[in-house]
Amino acid sequence: MAWQAGVSCVDITPPSHIPELGFIPRQHQFKGVHGLLTAEALALETEGGAAVIVTADATGFHCNLLGDGCDFRRRISAAGSCRDRRCL
């Protein structure tokens, strides 16, 4: 049984004009970047199926970006070979 694997890492650091986000609401812009924020993915596939693990340096993502959970799963499914019922 052969495995295929792929990895990716992208910079998701917001532009400096975006207000800070965290557990305490802040109304000011951030002053600089200490380290980049990234999103990483690991994709694994074999004849029996596929899996993708995605991590992100983020507190969360607004629903304007992801939509509801079902919509997000459908978008992932349409982009690759993972069926939406396997996406958590």
Foldseek 3Di string as FASTA:
>chain_A
DDKDKDKDKDFPADDQQDCDDDPDDDDDTDDDDPDTKMKMKMKMDDPVGIDMDIDTPDPDDDCVVQPDLQSNLVVVVVVDPHHSVPDD
